[in-house]
Amino acid sequence: MIKPNDTASVNEDNCIPVEEDKLKDEQRAELDKAMEMFRRECVKSFSATRAGEVIKKFDFPAFQLLSEIQRENRMLDMVHQAMGYAFVSYAPVMSNTVHNAVIKTLSGGASQGYIGPCYQQLVRLISLLLHQLQ
């Protein structure tokens, strides 16, 4: 449970609001677009009678605030998206990095903590093959 006077954790009580005039042009455009879309949805709540009188048929759509868990999930989704993009976009670099790490690990001749003749023989065989390739 979050204490109300706890300034180290992030919650709605200790967030500093940002003034609209301090937003960058791209941020302001994004905000204006979101506000316009919400305004259009709110206008759909009204209707006109045959006499031309405007009446309110429905309540305005509820603006859903993100909970802390939803914000964390959104952040995780963004990180996963960025990691996926990096793996796809830089696949040759990643495969070379993994290849080099495997070669370095196996060329050391260490058994990586495994005990037994089958593992030791495999390490020796790989070491011999690597030396022959060089």
N, C-alpha and C. Protein backbone atom coordinates (compact mmCIF):
# COMPACT_ATOMS: atom_id res chain seq x y z
N MET A 1 0.84 -1.18 0.00
CA MET A 1 0.00 0.00 0.00
C MET A 1 0.88 1.24 0.00
N ILE A 2 0.52 2.22 -0.77
CA ILE A 2 1.30 3.44 -0.89
C ILE A 2 0.85 4.44 0.17
N LYS A 3 1.82 4.95 0.90
CA LYS A 3 1.51 5.96 1.90
C LYS A 3 1.28 7.30 1.21
N PRO A 4 0.32 8.10 1.68
CA PRO A 4 0.06 9.38 1.01
C PRO A 4 1.23 10.34 1.06
N ASN A 5 2.08 10.25 2.07
CA ASN A 5 3.21 11.18 2.20
C ASN A 5 4.49 10.63 1.60
N ASP A 6 4.41 9.49 0.95
CA ASP A 6 5.58 8.86 0.36
C ASP A 6 5.92 9.57 -0.95
N THR A 7 7.03 10.31 -0.97
CA THR A 7 7.39 11.09 -2.15
C THR A 7 8.28 10.31 -3.11
N ALA A 8 8.75 9.12 -2.70
CA ALA A 8 9.62 8.34 -3.57
C ALA A 8 8.84 7.55 -4.61
N SER A 9 7.61 7.16 -4.30
CA SER A 9 6.82 6.38 -5.24
C SER A 9 5.98 7.31 -6.12
N VAL A 10 5.58 6.78 -7.26
CA VAL A 10 4.79 7.56 -8.21
C VAL A 10 3.32 7.25 -8.00
N ASN A 11 2.54 8.27 -7.75
CA ASN A 11 1.09 8.12 -7.67
C ASN A 11 0.45 9.44 -8.10
N GLU A 12 -0.85 9.47 -8.15
CA GLU A 12 -1.55 10.66 -8.64
C GLU A 12 -1.37 11.88 -7.73
N ASP A 13 -1.06 11.64 -6.44
CA ASP A 13 -0.95 12.76 -5.50
C ASP A 13 0.37 13.52 -5.61
N ASN A 14 1.42 12.86 -6.10
CA ASN A 14 2.71 13.55 -6.13
C ASN A 14 3.24 13.78 -7.54
N CYS A 15 2.37 13.75 -8.55
CA CYS A 15 2.78 14.06 -9.92
C CYS A 15 2.64 15.56 -10.16
N ILE A 16 3.61 16.13 -10.85
CA ILE A 16 3.59 17.55 -11.14
C ILE A 16 2.88 17.76 -12.48
N PRO A 17 1.79 18.52 -12.49
CA PRO A 17 1.09 18.73 -13.76
C PRO A 17 1.90 19.62 -14.70
N VAL A 18 1.74 19.37 -15.99
CA VAL A 18 2.47 20.13 -17.01
C VAL A 18 1.51 21.14 -17.62
N GLU A 19 1.98 22.36 -17.79
CA GLU A 19 1.16 23.39 -18.41
C GLU A 19 1.20 23.22 -19.92
N GLU A 20 0.08 23.49 -20.57
CA GLU A 20 -0.02 23.28 -22.02
C GLU A 20 0.94 24.16 -22.81
N ASP A 21 1.22 25.36 -22.33
CA ASP A 21 2.09 26.25 -23.10
C ASP A 21 3.55 25.78 -23.09
N LYS A 22 3.90 24.80 -22.24
CA LYS A 22 5.27 24.28 -22.20
C LYS A 22 5.46 23.06 -23.10
N LEU A 23 4.37 22.61 -23.74
CA LEU A 23 4.47 21.46 -24.63
C LEU A 23 5.17 21.83 -25.94
N LYS A 24 5.86 20.85 -26.52
CA LYS A 24 6.47 21.05 -27.83
C LYS A 24 5.36 21.01 -28.88
N ASP A 25 5.68 21.46 -30.08
CA ASP A 25 4.67 21.52 -31.14
C ASP A 25 4.07 20.16 -31.45
N GLU A 26 4.92 19.10 -31.51
CA GLU A 26 4.41 17.77 -31.80
C GLU A 26 3.49 17.28 -30.68
N GLN A 27 3.88 17.56 -29.44
CA GLN A 27 3.07 17.15 -28.30
C GLN A 27 1.74 17.90 -28.28
N ARG A 28 1.79 19.18 -28.59
CA ARG A 28 0.57 19.98 -28.62
C ARG A 28 -0.37 19.48 -29.72
N ALA A 29 0.19 19.14 -30.88
CA ALA A 29 -0.63 18.62 -31.98
C ALA A 29 -1.27 17.29 -31.60
N GLU A 30 -0.52 16.44 -30.92
CA GLU A 30 -1.07 15.15 -30.47
C GLU A 30 -2.19 15.35 -29.45
N LEU A 31 -1.96 16.29 -28.52
CA LEU A 31 -2.99 16.61 -27.53
C LEU A 31 -4.23 17.18 -28.18
N ASP A 32 -4.06 18.10 -29.13
CA ASP A 32 -5.21 18.69 -29.83
C ASP A 32 -6.00 17.64 -30.59
N LYS A 33 -5.29 16.70 -31.20
CA LYS A 33 -5.96 15.64 -31.95
C LYS A 33 -6.79 14.76 -31.00
N ALA A 34 -6.22 14.39 -29.86
CA ALA A 34 -6.94 13.56 -28.89
C ALA A 34 -8.15 14.31 -28.33
N MET A 35 -7.98 15.60 -28.05
CA MET A 35 -9.09 16.38 -27.52
C MET A 35 -10.20 16.52 -28.56
N GLU A 36 -9.84 16.69 -29.82
CA GLU A 36 -10.83 16.81 -30.88
C GLU A 36 -11.60 15.50 -31.05
N MET A 37 -10.90 14.37 -30.98
CA MET A 37 -11.57 13.08 -31.10
C MET A 37 -12.54 12.87 -29.94
N PHE A 38 -12.15 13.25 -28.72
CA PHE A 38 -13.03 13.11 -27.57
C PHE A 38 -14.22 14.06 -27.69
N ARG A 39 -13.98 15.27 -28.20
CA ARG A 39 -15.06 16.24 -28.39
C ARG A 39 -16.09 15.70 -29.38
N ARG A 40 -15.62 15.07 -30.45
CA ARG A 40 -16.54 14.49 -31.44
C ARG A 40 -17.40 13.40 -30.81
N GLU A 41 -16.80 12.59 -29.97
CA GLU A 41 -17.57 11.53 -29.29
C GLU A 41 -18.60 12.13 -28.34
N CYS A 42 -18.25 13.23 -27.68
CA CYS A 42 -19.19 13.88 -26.76
C CYS A 42 -20.35 14.50 -27.53
N VAL A 43 -20.08 15.07 -28.70
CA VAL A 43 -21.13 15.69 -29.51
C VAL A 43 -22.14 14.66 -29.98
N LYS A 44 -21.70 13.41 -30.13
CA LYS A 44 -22.62 12.35 -30.54
C LYS A 44 -23.69 12.07 -29.48
N SER A 45 -23.51 12.57 -28.28
CA SER A 45 -24.50 12.39 -27.21
C SER A 45 -25.72 13.26 -27.41
N PHE A 46 -25.62 14.27 -28.27
CA PHE A 46 -26.74 15.18 -28.52
C PHE A 46 -27.48 14.80 -29.79
N SER A 47 -28.72 15.24 -29.84
CA SER A 47 -29.54 15.02 -31.03
C SER A 47 -30.48 16.20 -31.17
N ALA A 48 -31.00 16.38 -32.36
CA ALA A 48 -31.93 17.48 -32.61
C ALA A 48 -33.33 16.91 -32.83
N THR A 49 -34.33 17.58 -32.27
CA THR A 49 -35.72 17.17 -32.49
C THR A 49 -36.20 17.73 -33.82
N ARG A 50 -37.40 17.35 -34.22
CA ARG A 50 -37.96 17.86 -35.48
C ARG A 50 -38.20 19.36 -35.41
N ALA A 51 -38.37 19.85 -34.21
CA ALA A 51 -38.58 21.28 -34.04
C ALA A 51 -37.26 22.05 -34.05
N GLY A 52 -36.12 21.32 -34.10
CA GLY A 52 -34.82 21.98 -34.14
C GLY A 52 -34.19 22.15 -32.77
N GLU A 53 -34.84 21.67 -31.75
CA GLU A 53 -34.30 21.81 -30.39
C GLU A 53 -33.24 20.72 -30.17
N VAL A 54 -32.12 21.10 -29.60
CA VAL A 54 -31.05 20.15 -29.32
C VAL A 54 -31.26 19.56 -27.94
N ILE A 55 -31.26 18.24 -27.87
CA ILE A 55 -31.43 17.55 -26.60
C ILE A 55 -30.26 16.60 -26.39
N LYS A 56 -30.05 16.29 -25.13
CA LYS A 56 -28.98 15.36 -24.80
C LYS A 56 -29.59 13.97 -24.65
N LYS A 57 -29.19 13.02 -25.51
CA LYS A 57 -29.75 11.68 -25.47
C LYS A 57 -28.98 10.76 -24.53
N PHE A 58 -27.68 10.89 -24.51
CA PHE A 58 -26.84 9.98 -23.74
C PHE A 58 -25.88 10.77 -22.86
N ASP A 59 -25.35 10.08 -21.86
CA ASP A 59 -24.28 10.69 -21.06
C ASP A 59 -23.01 10.72 -21.91
N PHE A 60 -22.14 11.62 -21.55
CA PHE A 60 -20.87 11.70 -22.26
C PHE A 60 -20.08 10.40 -22.03
N PRO A 61 -19.26 10.03 -22.98
CA PRO A 61 -18.44 8.83 -22.77
C PRO A 61 -17.48 9.06 -21.61
N ALA A 62 -17.31 8.04 -20.82
CA ALA A 62 -16.41 8.14 -19.67
C ALA A 62 -14.97 8.09 -20.15
N PHE A 63 -14.19 9.01 -19.63
CA PHE A 63 -12.77 9.02 -19.95
C PHE A 63 -12.08 8.08 -18.99
N GLN A 64 -11.48 7.01 -19.52
CA GLN A 64 -10.89 5.98 -18.68
C GLN A 64 -9.45 6.36 -18.32
N LEU A 65 -9.20 6.50 -17.04
CA LEU A 65 -7.85 6.78 -16.56
C LEU A 65 -7.09 5.46 -16.44
N LEU A 66 -5.81 5.48 -16.75
CA LEU A 66 -4.99 4.28 -16.64
C LEU A 66 -4.62 4.04 -15.19
N SER A 67 -4.77 2.81 -14.77
CA SER A 67 -4.31 2.46 -13.43
C SER A 67 -2.80 2.28 -13.48
N GLU A 68 -2.19 2.12 -12.32
CA GLU A 68 -0.74 1.96 -12.26
C GLU A 68 -0.30 0.68 -12.97
N ILE A 69 -1.08 -0.38 -12.84
CA ILE A 69 -0.75 -1.65 -13.50
C ILE A 69 -0.84 -1.49 -15.01
N GLN A 70 -1.87 -0.79 -15.50
CA GLN A 70 -2.00 -0.58 -16.93
C GLN A 70 -0.85 0.26 -17.46
N ARG A 71 -0.39 1.23 -16.68
CA ARG A 71 0.77 2.04 -17.10
C ARG A 71 2.02 1.18 -17.18
N GLU A 72 2.20 0.29 -16.19
CA GLU A 72 3.35 -0.60 -16.21
C GLU A 72 3.28 -1.53 -17.41
N ASN A 73 2.09 -2.08 -17.68
CA ASN A 73 1.93 -2.96 -18.84
C ASN A 73 2.21 -2.21 -20.14
N ARG A 74 1.78 -0.97 -20.20
CA ARG A 74 2.03 -0.18 -21.40
C ARG A 74 3.53 0.04 -21.60
N MET A 75 4.22 0.30 -20.49
CA MET A 75 5.67 0.46 -20.56
C MET A 75 6.34 -0.84 -21.00
N LEU A 76 5.89 -1.97 -20.45
CA LEU A 76 6.45 -3.25 -20.87
C LEU A 76 6.19 -3.51 -22.34
N ASP A 77 5.00 -3.18 -22.81
CA ASP A 77 4.69 -3.36 -24.23
C ASP A 77 5.61 -2.51 -25.10
N MET A 78 5.89 -1.29 -24.68
CA MET A 78 6.78 -0.43 -25.46
C MET A 78 8.21 -0.99 -25.47
N VAL A 79 8.67 -1.51 -24.32
CA VAL A 79 10.02 -2.10 -24.26
C VAL A 79 10.08 -3.34 -25.14
N HIS A 80 9.05 -4.20 -25.06
CA HIS A 80 9.04 -5.40 -25.89
C HIS A 80 9.01 -5.05 -27.37
N GLN A 81 8.26 -4.02 -27.73
CA GLN A 81 8.20 -3.60 -29.11
C GLN A 81 9.58 -3.11 -29.58
N ALA A 82 10.24 -2.33 -28.75
CA ALA A 82 11.56 -1.82 -29.11
C ALA A 82 12.58 -2.95 -29.22
N MET A 83 12.52 -3.92 -28.32
CA MET A 83 13.44 -5.05 -28.38
C MET A 83 13.18 -5.89 -29.63
N GLY A 84 11.92 -6.13 -29.94
CA GLY A 84 11.59 -6.87 -31.14
C GLY A 84 12.09 -6.17 -32.38
N TYR A 85 11.92 -4.86 -32.43
CA TYR A 85 12.41 -4.07 -33.56
C TYR A 85 13.93 -4.20 -33.68
N ALA A 86 14.62 -4.16 -32.55
CA ALA A 86 16.08 -4.26 -32.57
C ALA A 86 16.52 -5.63 -33.08
N PHE A 87 15.83 -6.69 -32.63
CA PHE A 87 16.20 -8.03 -33.08
C PHE A 87 15.96 -8.22 -34.57
N VAL A 88 14.86 -7.66 -35.07
CA VAL A 88 14.56 -7.81 -36.49
C VAL A 88 15.46 -6.92 -37.34
N SER A 89 15.63 -5.69 -36.93
CA SER A 89 16.39 -4.73 -37.73
C SER A 89 17.89 -5.02 -37.73
N TYR A 90 18.39 -5.55 -36.64
CA TYR A 90 19.82 -5.77 -36.51
C TYR A 90 20.14 -7.25 -36.36
N ALA A 91 19.43 -8.11 -37.10
CA ALA A 91 19.61 -9.56 -37.02
C ALA A 91 21.05 -9.99 -37.33
N PRO A 92 21.69 -9.48 -38.38
CA PRO A 92 23.08 -9.90 -38.64
C PRO A 92 24.02 -9.54 -37.50
N VAL A 93 23.85 -8.38 -36.93
CA VAL A 93 24.71 -7.96 -35.82
C VAL A 93 24.48 -8.88 -34.62
N MET A 94 23.20 -9.19 -34.35
CA MET A 94 22.89 -10.05 -33.21
C MET A 94 23.44 -11.46 -33.44
N SER A 95 23.29 -12.00 -34.64
CA SER A 95 23.79 -13.36 -34.90
C SER A 95 25.31 -13.40 -34.80
N ASN A 96 26.00 -12.36 -35.27
CA ASN A 96 27.46 -12.31 -35.13
C ASN A 96 27.88 -12.22 -33.67
N THR A 97 27.15 -11.44 -32.89
CA THR A 97 27.47 -11.30 -31.48
C THR A 97 27.31 -12.63 -30.76
N VAL A 98 26.19 -13.32 -31.02
CA VAL A 98 25.95 -14.62 -30.38
C VAL A 98 27.00 -15.62 -30.85
N HIS A 99 27.29 -15.64 -32.15
CA HIS A 99 28.31 -16.55 -32.69
C HIS A 99 29.65 -16.32 -32.01
N ASN A 100 30.06 -15.08 -31.90
CA ASN A 100 31.35 -14.76 -31.27
C ASN A 100 31.37 -15.17 -29.80
N ALA A 101 30.24 -14.98 -29.11
CA ALA A 101 30.18 -15.36 -27.69
C ALA A 101 30.28 -16.88 -27.53
N VAL A 102 29.62 -17.63 -28.41
CA VAL A 102 29.69 -19.09 -28.34
C VAL A 102 31.10 -19.58 -28.64
N ILE A 103 31.71 -19.03 -29.68
CA ILE A 103 33.08 -19.43 -30.03
C ILE A 103 34.04 -19.12 -28.89
N LYS A 104 33.90 -17.95 -28.29
CA LYS A 104 34.79 -17.57 -27.18
C LYS A 104 34.60 -18.50 -25.98
N THR A 105 33.34 -18.85 -25.70
CA THR A 105 33.05 -19.72 -24.57
C THR A 105 33.60 -21.12 -24.82
N LEU A 106 33.38 -21.64 -26.02
CA LEU A 106 33.81 -23.01 -26.30
C LEU A 106 35.31 -23.12 -26.52
N SER A 107 35.95 -22.10 -26.99
CA SER A 107 37.39 -22.17 -27.24
C SER A 107 38.20 -22.11 -25.95
N GLY A 108 37.58 -21.70 -24.88
CA GLY A 108 38.28 -21.64 -23.60
C GLY A 108 38.57 -23.01 -23.03
N GLY A 109 37.82 -24.03 -23.48
CA GLY A 109 38.06 -25.38 -23.00
C GLY A 109 37.45 -25.65 -21.64
N ALA A 110 36.75 -24.71 -21.08
CA ALA A 110 36.13 -24.93 -19.78
C ALA A 110 34.90 -25.79 -19.94
N SER A 111 34.58 -26.54 -18.91
CA SER A 111 33.44 -27.45 -18.99
C SER A 111 32.15 -26.78 -18.53
N GLN A 112 32.19 -25.54 -18.21
CA GLN A 112 31.01 -24.76 -17.81
C GLN A 112 30.29 -25.38 -16.61
N GLY A 113 31.04 -26.05 -15.73
CA GLY A 113 30.45 -26.59 -14.51
C GLY A 113 29.87 -27.98 -14.64
N TYR A 114 29.92 -28.58 -15.84
CA TYR A 114 29.40 -29.93 -16.02
C TYR A 114 30.47 -30.93 -15.61
N ILE A 115 30.05 -32.03 -15.01
CA ILE A 115 30.99 -33.04 -14.56
C ILE A 115 30.64 -34.35 -15.26
N GLY A 116 31.63 -35.05 -15.70
CA GLY A 116 31.40 -36.35 -16.33
C GLY A 116 32.18 -36.48 -17.60
N PRO A 117 32.51 -37.72 -17.97
CA PRO A 117 33.35 -37.93 -19.14
C PRO A 117 32.69 -37.49 -20.45
N CYS A 118 31.37 -37.61 -20.55
CA CYS A 118 30.73 -37.25 -21.82
C CYS A 118 30.86 -35.75 -22.09
N TYR A 119 30.74 -34.92 -21.06
CA TYR A 119 30.88 -33.49 -21.26
C TYR A 119 32.33 -33.11 -21.54
N GLN A 120 33.25 -33.76 -20.84
CA GLN A 120 34.65 -33.44 -21.04
C GLN A 120 35.11 -33.84 -22.44
N GLN A 121 34.61 -34.97 -22.92
CA GLN A 121 34.98 -35.41 -24.26
C GLN A 121 34.43 -34.44 -25.31
N LEU A 122 33.22 -33.97 -25.10
CA LEU A 122 32.61 -33.03 -26.03
C LEU A 122 33.41 -31.73 -26.08
N VAL A 123 33.83 -31.24 -24.93
CA VAL A 123 34.60 -30.01 -24.88
C VAL A 123 35.94 -30.20 -25.58
N ARG A 124 36.57 -31.35 -25.36
CA ARG A 124 37.84 -31.63 -26.03
C ARG A 124 37.65 -31.70 -27.55
N LEU A 125 36.58 -32.35 -27.97
CA LEU A 125 36.31 -32.47 -29.39
C LEU A 125 36.09 -31.10 -30.03
N ILE A 126 35.32 -30.26 -29.37
CA ILE A 126 35.06 -28.92 -29.89
C ILE A 126 36.35 -28.10 -29.92
N SER A 127 37.16 -28.25 -28.89
CA SER A 127 38.44 -27.53 -28.85
C SER A 127 39.34 -27.95 -30.01
N LEU A 128 39.38 -29.27 -30.27
CA LEU A 128 40.19 -29.76 -31.38
C LEU A 128 39.68 -29.24 -32.71
N LEU A 129 38.36 -29.24 -32.88
CA LEU A 129 37.79 -28.76 -34.12
C LEU A 129 38.08 -27.26 -34.32
N LEU A 130 37.99 -26.50 -33.27
CA LEU A 130 38.26 -25.07 -33.37
C LEU A 130 39.72 -24.81 -33.70
N HIS A 131 40.62 -25.59 -33.12
CA HIS A 131 42.04 -25.40 -33.42
C HIS A 131 42.34 -25.77 -34.86
N GLN A 132 41.65 -26.79 -35.38
CA GLN A 132 41.86 -27.19 -36.77
C GLN A 132 41.32 -26.14 -37.74
N LEU A 133 40.24 -25.46 -37.34
CA LEU A 133 39.67 -24.43 -38.20
C LEU A 133 40.55 -23.19 -38.27
N GLN A 134 41.32 -22.95 -37.24
CA GLN A 134 42.14 -21.76 -37.20
C GLN A 134 43.37 -21.98 -37.99
